Amino acid sequence: MVNSWYWFDLLFNFMEEGKELNQHIKTLHNFTLSVIQEKKRKLLSGDPDIGTKRKRMALMDLLLEHHIRTKTLTEEDIREEVDTFAFEGHDTTSMGMSWALYLIGLHKDVQNKVHEELDRIFGDDAERPIETEDLKDMNYLDRVLKESQRLYPSVPTIARRITDDTTICGYPIPKESSCIVLVHQLHRNEAVFPDPEKFDPDRFLPENSANRHPFAYIPFSAGPRNCIGSVTSVAYPLSSAFFNVCWSSYQL
């Protein structure tokens, strides 16, 4: 990442690392395209198992139906959207879960409170699937996840291209510049988060965060291009892991 030779695509693509990376990317893209083309073939053949009459269509079916009907989406467009959903969320979700479990394991008092909240919601029914409505009742777990993402954001940096000349804190930023937001440092701003190295889920109680600047905490980026998984994020898998595994026989 810090090797300047890697910054230029023309040079990087001739290096062994670049060739290996491009081969892996090609493999992933070809796999997705093959699935799309097979699904498209079944749609065009009238396969009853791939019909578009279901109440809620799968993402790929929805995009393919639009592709066939309007011709405004290409197979490459669909591949990019499918790859976004299929690949982009895996690393961030697993990292988010890992850090949350790590922090909860270090703080027994927090672990006990999460335990109590999940027991209150699910009772003894460990087999019941988690529903969207359950997430609304996981107020403490929500604060734990937010604090975990504050300390260890899954994406520690965010890049943006500046579309107009602007000035930030007296510094002129020319149009077409690339700016990087260091989320890890932003979330440890002592002026916004007192004692920033401390793990304290209560920072996100309504009374403690009501006057906080909306861009002081951006683990999922911000604005119209923020992360599409910001609502559920790791809440589903983490609460499931807690209730179905940790709560059965173990403590973290």
C-alpha atoms as a PDB file:
ATOM      1  CA  MET A   1       0.000   0.000   0.000  1.00  0.00           C
ATOM      2  CA  VAL A   2       2.785   2.459   0.799  1.00  0.00           C
ATOM      3  CA  ASN A   3       5.094   1.343  -2.016  1.00  0.00           C
ATOM      4  CA  SER A   4       4.933   4.175  -4.552  1.00  0.00           C
ATOM      5  CA  TRP A   5       5.463   1.718  -7.418  1.00  0.00           C
ATOM      6  CA  TYR A   6       2.028   0.283  -6.663  1.00  0.00           C
ATOM      7  CA  TRP A   7       0.307   3.617  -7.212  1.00  0.00           C
ATOM      8  CA  PHE A   8       0.496   3.522 -10.996  1.00  0.00           C
ATOM      9  CA  ASP A   9      -1.710   0.944 -12.699  1.00  0.00           C
ATOM     10  CA  LEU A  10       0.562   0.662 -15.724  1.00  0.00           C
ATOM     11  CA  LEU A  11       3.496  -0.398 -13.527  1.00  0.00           C
ATOM     12  CA  PHE A  12       1.473  -2.413 -11.028  1.00  0.00           C
ATOM     13  CA  ASN A  13      -0.132  -4.532 -13.754  1.00  0.00           C
ATOM     14  CA  PHE A  14       3.330  -5.693 -14.884  1.00  0.00           C
ATOM     15  CA  MET A  15       4.361  -6.760 -11.371  1.00  0.00           C
ATOM     16  CA  GLU A  16       3.746 -10.252 -10.016  1.00  0.00           C
ATOM     17  CA  GLU A  17       1.438  -8.829  -7.362  1.00  0.00           C
ATOM     18  CA  GLY A  18      -0.587  -7.006  -9.998  1.00  0.00           C
ATOM     19  CA  LYS A  19      -0.845 -10.058 -12.242  1.00  0.00           C
ATOM     20  CA  GLU A  20      -1.971 -12.207  -9.322  1.00  0.00           C
ATOM     21  CA  LEU A  21      -4.545  -9.642  -8.204  1.00  0.00           C
ATOM     22  CA  ASN A  22      -5.954  -9.238 -11.713  1.00  0.00           C
ATOM     23  CA  GLN A  23      -6.227 -13.008 -12.123  1.00  0.00           C
ATOM     24  CA  HIS A  24      -8.184 -13.324  -8.874  1.00  0.00           C
ATOM     25  CA  ILE A  25     -10.469 -10.457  -9.909  1.00  0.00           C
ATOM     26  CA  LYS A  26     -11.029 -12.075 -13.305  1.00  0.00           C
ATOM     27  CA  THR A  27     -11.952 -15.365 -11.634  1.00  0.00           C
ATOM     28  CA  LEU A  28     -14.513 -13.656  -9.396  1.00  0.00           C
ATOM     29  CA  HIS A  29     -16.005 -11.634 -12.239  1.00  0.00           C
ATOM     30  CA  ASN A  30     -16.249 -14.655 -14.526  1.00  0.00           C
ATOM     31  CA  PHE A  31     -18.002 -16.664 -11.826  1.00  0.00           C
ATOM     32  CA  THR A  32     -20.606 -13.955 -11.289  1.00  0.00           C
ATOM     33  CA  LEU A  33     -21.136 -13.531 -15.033  1.00  0.00           C
ATOM     34  CA  SER A  34     -21.605 -17.276 -15.497  1.00  0.00           C
ATOM     35  CA  VAL A  35     -24.314 -17.306 -12.809  1.00  0.00           C
ATOM     36  CA  ILE A  36     -26.019 -14.287 -14.393  1.00  0.00           C
ATOM     37  CA  GLN A  37     -25.953 -15.822 -17.866  1.00  0.00           C
ATOM     38  CA  GLU A  38     -27.326 -19.138 -16.619  1.00  0.00           C
ATOM     39  CA  LYS A  39     -30.126 -17.388 -14.737  1.00  0.00           C
ATOM     40  CA  LYS A  40     -30.880 -15.281 -17.819  1.00  0.00           C
ATOM     41  CA  ARG A  41     -31.051 -18.401 -19.982  1.00  0.00           C
ATOM     42  CA  LYS A  42     -33.587 -19.944 -17.618  1.00  0.00           C
ATOM     43  CA  LEU A  43     -35.660 -16.761 -17.528  1.00  0.00           C
ATOM     44  CA  LEU A  44     -35.803 -16.586 -21.320  1.00  0.00           C
ATOM     45  CA  SER A  45     -36.703 -20.273 -21.567  1.00  0.00           C
ATOM     46  CA  GLY A  46     -39.674 -19.813 -19.234  1.00  0.00           C
ATOM     47  CA  ASP A  47     -38.321 -22.024 -16.461  1.00  0.00           C
ATOM     48  CA  PRO A  48     -41.152 -22.040 -13.832  1.00  0.00           C
ATOM     49  CA  ASP A  49     -38.648 -22.174 -10.975  1.00  0.00           C
ATOM     50  CA  ILE A  50     -37.135 -18.827 -12.034  1.00  0.00           C
ATOM     51  CA  GLY A  51     -40.355 -16.942 -12.627  1.00  0.00           C
ATOM     52  CA  THR A  52     -40.744 -13.224 -11.922  1.00  0.00           C
ATOM     53  CA  LYS A  53     -44.209 -13.552 -10.358  1.00  0.00           C
ATOM     54  CA  ARG A  54     -43.013 -13.933  -6.791  1.00  0.00           C
ATOM     55  CA  LYS A  55     -44.086 -11.313  -4.292  1.00  0.00           C
ATOM     56  CA  ARG A  56     -40.474 -10.405  -3.562  1.00  0.00           C
ATOM     57  CA  MET A  57     -37.924 -11.079  -6.281  1.00  0.00           C
ATOM     58  CA  ALA A  58     -34.280 -11.787  -5.573  1.00  0.00           C
ATOM     59  CA  LEU A  59     -31.867  -9.017  -6.522  1.00  0.00           C
ATOM     60  CA  MET A  60     -30.429 -10.823  -9.538  1.00  0.00           C
ATOM     61  CA  ASP A  61     -33.893 -11.777 -10.815  1.00  0.00           C
ATOM     62  CA  LEU A  62     -35.045  -8.182 -10.467  1.00  0.00           C
ATOM     63  CA  LEU A  63     -32.053  -6.809 -12.356  1.00  0.00           C
ATOM     64  CA  LEU A  64     -32.313  -9.449 -15.070  1.00  0.00           C
ATOM     65  CA  GLU A  65     -36.013  -8.790 -15.533  1.00  0.00           C
ATOM     66  CA  HIS A  66     -35.217  -5.101 -16.014  1.00  0.00           C
ATOM     67  CA  HIS A  67     -32.325  -5.995 -18.346  1.00  0.00           C
ATOM     68  CA  ILE A  68     -34.541  -8.165 -20.559  1.00  0.00           C
ATOM     69  CA  ARG A  69     -37.509  -5.802 -20.537  1.00  0.00           C
ATOM     70  CA  THR A  70     -35.832  -2.408 -21.035  1.00  0.00           C
ATOM     71  CA  LYS A  71     -32.330  -3.183 -22.355  1.00  0.00           C
ATOM     72  CA  THR A  72     -30.989  -0.324 -20.205  1.00  0.00           C
ATOM     73  CA  LEU A  73     -28.836  -2.582 -18.019  1.00  0.00           C
ATOM     74  CA  THR A  74     -26.024  -4.654 -19.484  1.00  0.00           C
ATOM     75  CA  GLU A  75     -24.805  -7.941 -18.056  1.00  0.00           C
ATOM     76  CA  GLU A  76     -21.713  -6.079 -16.855  1.00  0.00           C
ATOM     77  CA  ASP A  77     -23.929  -3.587 -14.996  1.00  0.00           C
ATOM     78  CA  ILE A  78     -25.715  -6.456 -13.291  1.00  0.00           C
ATOM     79  CA  ARG A  79     -22.423  -8.146 -12.433  1.00  0.00           C
ATOM     80  CA  GLU A  80     -21.166  -5.006 -10.714  1.00  0.00           C
ATOM     81  CA  GLU A  81     -24.319  -4.721  -8.612  1.00  0.00           C
ATOM     82  CA  VAL A  82     -24.321  -8.405  -7.698  1.00  0.00           C
ATOM     83  CA  ASP A  83     -20.631  -8.293  -6.789  1.00  0.00           C
ATOM     84  CA  THR A  84     -21.319  -5.330  -4.512  1.00  0.00           C
ATOM     85  CA  PHE A  85     -23.846  -7.344  -2.526  1.00  0.00           C
ATOM     86  CA  ALA A  86     -22.041 -10.686  -2.726  1.00  0.00           C
ATOM     87  CA  PHE A  87     -18.483  -9.668  -1.885  1.00  0.00           C
ATOM     88  CA  GLU A  88     -18.229  -6.180  -0.422  1.00  0.00           C
ATOM     89  CA  GLY A  89     -20.089  -6.943   2.786  1.00  0.00           C
ATOM     90  CA  HIS A  90     -18.303 -10.133   3.758  1.00  0.00           C
ATOM     91  CA  ASP A  91     -15.006  -8.715   5.019  1.00  0.00           C
ATOM     92  CA  THR A  92     -16.561  -5.721   6.743  1.00  0.00           C
ATOM     93  CA  THR A  93     -19.232  -7.800   8.474  1.00  0.00           C
ATOM     94  CA  SER A  94     -16.764 -10.432   9.690  1.00  0.00           C
ATOM     95  CA  MET A  95     -14.377  -7.743  10.926  1.00  0.00           C
ATOM     96  CA  GLY A  96     -17.207  -5.921  12.676  1.00  0.00           C
ATOM     97  CA  MET A  97     -18.302  -9.122  14.400  1.00  0.00           C
ATOM     98  CA  SER A  98     -14.744 -10.015  15.397  1.00  0.00           C
ATOM     99  CA  TRP A  99     -14.040  -6.659  17.032  1.00  0.00           C
ATOM    100  CA  ALA A 100     -17.428  -6.577  18.755  1.00  0.00           C
ATOM    101  CA  LEU A 101     -16.956 -10.068  20.188  1.00  0.00           C
ATOM    102  CA  TYR A 102     -13.410  -9.187  21.237  1.00  0.00           C
ATOM    103  CA  LEU A 103     -14.538  -6.066  23.108  1.00  0.00           C
ATOM    104  CA  ILE A 104     -17.509  -7.797  24.719  1.00  0.00           C
ATOM    105  CA  GLY A 105     -15.208 -10.593  25.832  1.00  0.00           C
ATOM    106  CA  LEU A 106     -12.928  -8.058  27.518  1.00  0.00           C
ATOM    107  CA  HIS A 107     -15.777  -6.338  29.358  1.00  0.00           C
ATOM    108  CA  LYS A 108     -17.775  -8.772  31.494  1.00  0.00           C
ATOM    109  CA  ASP A 109     -20.253  -6.096  32.594  1.00  0.00           C
ATOM    110  CA  VAL A 110     -21.131  -5.333  28.982  1.00  0.00           C
ATOM    111  CA  GLN A 111     -21.388  -9.038  28.189  1.00  0.00           C
ATOM    112  CA  ASN A 112     -23.850  -9.555  31.035  1.00  0.00           C
ATOM    113  CA  LYS A 113     -26.049  -6.676  29.861  1.00  0.00           C
ATOM    114  CA  VAL A 114     -26.152  -8.016  26.308  1.00  0.00           C
ATOM    115  CA  HIS A 115     -26.986 -11.441  27.734  1.00  0.00           C
ATOM    116  CA  GLU A 116     -29.880 -10.005  29.746  1.00  0.00           C
ATOM    117  CA  GLU A 117     -31.256  -8.093  26.769  1.00  0.00           C
ATOM    118  CA  LEU A 118     -31.239 -11.133  24.463  1.00  0.00           C
ATOM    119  CA  ASP A 119     -32.793 -13.299  27.183  1.00  0.00           C
ATOM    120  CA  ARG A 120     -35.557 -10.726  27.566  1.00  0.00           C
ATOM    121  CA  ILE A 121     -36.250 -10.718  23.820  1.00  0.00           C
ATOM    122  CA  PHE A 122     -35.967 -14.444  23.059  1.00  0.00           C
ATOM    123  CA  GLY A 123     -36.597 -16.112  26.399  1.00  0.00           C
ATOM    124  CA  ASP A 124     -35.612 -19.770  26.178  1.00  0.00           C
ATOM    125  CA  ASP A 125     -36.474 -20.109  22.492  1.00  0.00           C
ATOM    126  CA  ALA A 126     -32.969 -20.378  21.064  1.00  0.00           C
ATOM    127  CA  GLU A 127     -34.304 -21.895  17.842  1.00  0.00           C
ATOM    128  CA  ARG A 128     -36.492 -18.956  16.865  1.00  0.00           C
ATOM    129  CA  PRO A 129     -35.081 -17.072  13.867  1.00  0.00           C
ATOM    130  CA  ILE A 130     -34.174 -13.429  14.399  1.00  0.00           C
ATOM    131  CA  GLU A 131     -36.646 -11.038  12.817  1.00  0.00           C
ATOM    132  CA  THR A 132     -36.362  -7.394  11.845  1.00  0.00           C
ATOM    133  CA  GLU A 133     -38.686  -6.438  14.687  1.00  0.00           C
ATOM    134  CA  ASP A 134     -36.274  -8.007  17.182  1.00  0.00           C
ATOM    135  CA  LEU A 135     -33.551  -5.571  16.151  1.00  0.00           C
ATOM    136  CA  LYS A 136     -35.719  -2.678  17.281  1.00  0.00           C
ATOM    137  CA  ASP A 137     -35.662  -4.089  20.816  1.00  0.00           C
ATOM    138  CA  MET A 138     -31.890  -4.619  20.909  1.00  0.00           C
ATOM    139  CA  ASN A 139     -31.152  -1.145  22.201  1.00  0.00           C
ATOM    140  CA  TYR A 140     -28.138  -2.071  24.294  1.00  0.00           C
ATOM    141  CA  LEU A 141     -26.634  -4.366  21.660  1.00  0.00           C
ATOM    142  CA  ASP A 142     -27.074  -1.534  19.171  1.00  0.00           C
ATOM    143  CA  ARG A 143     -25.036   0.776  21.414  1.00  0.00           C
ATOM    144  CA  VAL A 144     -22.379  -1.920  21.846  1.00  0.00           C
ATOM    145  CA  LEU A 145     -22.053  -2.310  18.080  1.00  0.00           C
ATOM    146  CA  LYS A 146     -21.848   1.444  17.560  1.00  0.00           C
ATOM    147  CA  GLU A 147     -19.131   1.802  20.165  1.00  0.00           C
ATOM    148  CA  SER A 148     -17.240  -1.136  18.688  1.00  0.00           C
ATOM    149  CA  GLN A 149     -17.415   0.490  15.247  1.00  0.00           C
ATOM    150  CA  ARG A 150     -16.254   3.756  16.770  1.00  0.00           C
ATOM    151  CA  LEU A 151     -13.092   2.203  18.163  1.00  0.00           C
ATOM    152  CA  TYR A 152     -12.451  -0.236  15.333  1.00  0.00           C
ATOM    153  CA  PRO A 153     -14.277   0.804  12.158  1.00  0.00           C
ATOM    154  CA  SER A 154     -14.329  -1.956   9.542  1.00  0.00           C
ATOM    155  CA  VAL A 155     -13.305   0.603   6.927  1.00  0.00           C
ATOM    156  CA  PRO A 156     -10.702   2.878   8.584  1.00  0.00           C
ATOM    157  CA  THR A 157     -10.392   5.266   5.623  1.00  0.00           C
ATOM    158  CA  ILE A 158     -12.855   6.714   3.107  1.00  0.00           C
ATOM    159  CA  ALA A 159     -11.851   8.408  -0.150  1.00  0.00           C
ATOM    160  CA  ARG A 160     -13.793  11.043  -2.080  1.00  0.00           C
ATOM    161  CA  ARG A 161     -13.127  12.996  -5.268  1.00  0.00           C
ATOM    162  CA  ILE A 162     -13.663  16.743  -4.903  1.00  0.00           C
ATOM    163  CA  THR A 163     -15.992  17.964  -7.666  1.00  0.00           C
ATOM    164  CA  ASP A 164     -15.632  21.713  -7.023  1.00  0.00           C
ATOM    165  CA  ASP A 165     -12.960  24.037  -5.673  1.00  0.00           C
ATOM    166  CA  THR A 166     -13.497  24.413  -1.946  1.00  0.00           C
ATOM    167  CA  THR A 167     -11.812  25.477   1.285  1.00  0.00           C
ATOM    168  CA  ILE A 168     -11.640  23.397   4.452  1.00  0.00           C
ATOM    169  CA  CYS A 169     -10.295  24.930   7.666  1.00  0.00           C
ATOM    170  CA  GLY A 170      -8.555  27.603   5.619  1.00  0.00           C
ATOM    171  CA  TYR A 171      -6.894  25.135   3.254  1.00  0.00           C
ATOM    172  CA  PRO A 172      -7.809  25.434  -0.441  1.00  0.00           C
ATOM    173  CA  ILE A 173      -8.819  22.099  -1.972  1.00  0.00           C
ATOM    174  CA  PRO A 174      -8.756  22.202  -5.785  1.00  0.00           C
ATOM    175  CA  LYS A 175     -11.335  20.508  -7.954  1.00  0.00           C
ATOM    176  CA  GLU A 176     -10.566  16.882  -8.932  1.00  0.00           C
ATOM    177  CA  SER A 177      -8.453  16.332  -5.805  1.00  0.00           C
ATOM    178  CA  SER A 178      -8.750  13.043  -3.949  1.00  0.00           C
ATOM    179  CA  CYS A 179      -9.407  13.456  -0.243  1.00  0.00           C
ATOM    180  CA  ILE A 180      -9.140  10.719   2.354  1.00  0.00           C
ATOM    181  CA  VAL A 181     -11.040  10.771   5.645  1.00  0.00           C
ATOM    182  CA  LEU A 182      -9.214   8.901   8.422  1.00  0.00           C
ATOM    183  CA  VAL A 183     -12.225   7.407  10.173  1.00  0.00           C
ATOM    184  CA  HIS A 184     -10.107   5.719  12.846  1.00  0.00           C
ATOM    185  CA  GLN A 185      -8.706   9.087  13.947  1.00  0.00           C
ATOM    186  CA  LEU A 186     -12.005  10.912  13.501  1.00  0.00           C
ATOM    187  CA  HIS A 187     -13.712   8.547  15.933  1.00  0.00           C
ATOM    188  CA  ARG A 188     -11.048   9.191  18.571  1.00  0.00           C
ATOM    189  CA  ASN A 189     -11.465  12.953  18.615  1.00  0.00           C
ATOM    190  CA  GLU A 190     -11.375  13.780  22.326  1.00  0.00           C
ATOM    191  CA  ALA A 191     -13.421  16.935  21.786  1.00  0.00           C
ATOM    192  CA  VAL A 192     -16.314  14.764  20.604  1.00  0.00           C
ATOM    193  CA  PHE A 193     -15.663  11.525  22.501  1.00  0.00           C
ATOM    194  CA  PRO A 194     -14.169  12.193  25.971  1.00  0.00           C
ATOM    195  CA  ASP A 195     -11.694   9.506  27.072  1.00  0.00           C
ATOM    196  CA  PRO A 196     -11.764   8.176  23.486  1.00  0.00           C
ATOM    197  CA  GLU A 197      -9.789   4.966  24.147  1.00  0.00           C
ATOM    198  CA  LYS A 198     -12.397   3.728  26.627  1.00  0.00           C
ATOM    199  CA  PHE A 199     -15.036   1.238  25.481  1.00  0.00           C
ATOM    200  CA  ASP A 200     -18.288   2.822  26.654  1.00  0.00           C
ATOM    201  CA  PRO A 201     -21.523   1.856  24.848  1.00  0.00           C
ATOM    202  CA  ASP A 202     -23.434   4.507  26.806  1.00  0.00           C
ATOM    203  CA  ARG A 203     -21.816   7.169  24.615  1.00  0.00           C
ATOM    204  CA  PHE A 204     -24.653   6.349  22.242  1.00  0.00           C
ATOM    205  CA  LEU A 205     -27.504   6.861  24.666  1.00  0.00           C
ATOM    206  CA  PRO A 206     -29.884   9.448  23.155  1.00  0.00           C
ATOM    207  CA  GLU A 207     -29.049  12.025  25.800  1.00  0.00           C
ATOM    208  CA  ASN A 208     -25.310  11.615  25.164  1.00  0.00           C
ATOM    209  CA  SER A 209     -25.395  11.766  21.375  1.00  0.00           C
ATOM    210  CA  ALA A 210     -28.268  14.157  20.641  1.00  0.00           C
ATOM    211  CA  ASN A 211     -26.029  17.172  20.000  1.00  0.00           C
ATOM    212  CA  ARG A 212     -23.197  15.290  18.330  1.00  0.00           C
ATOM    213  CA  HIS A 213     -22.320  16.422  14.806  1.00  0.00           C
ATOM    214  CA  PRO A 214     -23.789  13.899  12.326  1.00  0.00           C
ATOM    215  CA  PHE A 215     -20.403  13.485  10.621  1.00  0.00           C
ATOM    216  CA  ALA A 216     -18.463  12.936  13.858  1.00  0.00           C
ATOM    217  CA  TYR A 217     -19.309   9.234  13.667  1.00  0.00           C
ATOM    218  CA  ILE A 218     -19.248   7.706  10.171  1.00  0.00           C
ATOM    219  CA  PRO A 219     -18.341   3.985  10.269  1.00  0.00           C
ATOM    220  CA  PHE A 220     -20.508   3.493   7.183  1.00  0.00           C
ATOM    221  CA  SER A 221     -19.391   6.694   5.465  1.00  0.00           C
ATOM    222  CA  ALA A 222     -21.987   9.446   4.985  1.00  0.00           C
ATOM    223  CA  GLY A 223     -24.056  11.154   2.350  1.00  0.00           C
ATOM    224  CA  PRO A 224     -25.785   9.621  -0.688  1.00  0.00           C
ATOM    225  CA  ARG A 225     -22.966   7.104  -1.231  1.00  0.00           C
ATOM    226  CA  ASN A 226     -22.844   5.690   2.264  1.00  0.00           C
ATOM    227  CA  CYS A 227     -22.858   1.952   2.912  1.00  0.00           C
ATOM    228  CA  ILE A 228     -26.080   0.188   1.914  1.00  0.00           C
ATOM    229  CA  GLY A 229     -25.681  -2.191   4.866  1.00  0.00           C
ATOM    230  CA  SER A 230     -25.624   0.495   7.535  1.00  0.00           C
ATOM    231  CA  VAL A 231     -29.058  -0.378   8.944  1.00  0.00           C
ATOM    232  CA  THR A 232     -28.616  -4.056   9.790  1.00  0.00           C
ATOM    233  CA  SER A 233     -24.852  -4.369   9.390  1.00  0.00           C
ATOM    234  CA  VAL A 234     -23.588  -6.976  11.868  1.00  0.00           C
ATOM    235  CA  ALA A 235     -26.665  -6.913  14.115  1.00  0.00           C
ATOM    236  CA  TYR A 236     -28.250 -10.037  12.630  1.00  0.00           C
ATOM    237  CA  PRO A 237     -25.165 -12.293  12.623  1.00  0.00           C
ATOM    238  CA  LEU A 238     -23.817 -11.004  15.930  1.00  0.00           C
ATOM    239  CA  SER A 239     -27.062 -11.430  17.861  1.00  0.00           C
ATOM    240  CA  SER A 240     -27.485 -14.872  16.292  1.00  0.00           C
ATOM    241  CA  ALA A 241     -23.954 -15.885  17.268  1.00  0.00           C
ATOM    242  CA  PHE A 242     -24.501 -14.683  20.802  1.00  0.00           C
ATOM    243  CA  PHE A 243     -27.785 -16.424  21.363  1.00  0.00           C
ATOM    244  CA  ASN A 244     -27.229 -19.667  19.490  1.00  0.00           C
ATOM    245  CA  VAL A 245     -23.588 -20.308  20.409  1.00  0.00           C
ATOM    246  CA  CYS A 246     -22.215 -18.234  23.272  1.00  0.00           C
ATOM    247  CA  TRP A 247     -25.337 -18.434  25.373  1.00  0.00           C
ATOM    248  CA  SER A 248     -25.662 -22.184  25.051  1.00  0.00           C
ATOM    249  CA  SER A 249     -22.680 -23.237  27.130  1.00  0.00           C
ATOM    250  CA  TYR A 250     -20.032 -20.563  27.088  1.00  0.00           C
ATOM    251  CA  GLN A 251     -19.056 -17.088  28.076  1.00  0.00           C
ATOM    252  CA  LEU A 252     -16.648 -14.985  26.060  1.00  0.00           C
END
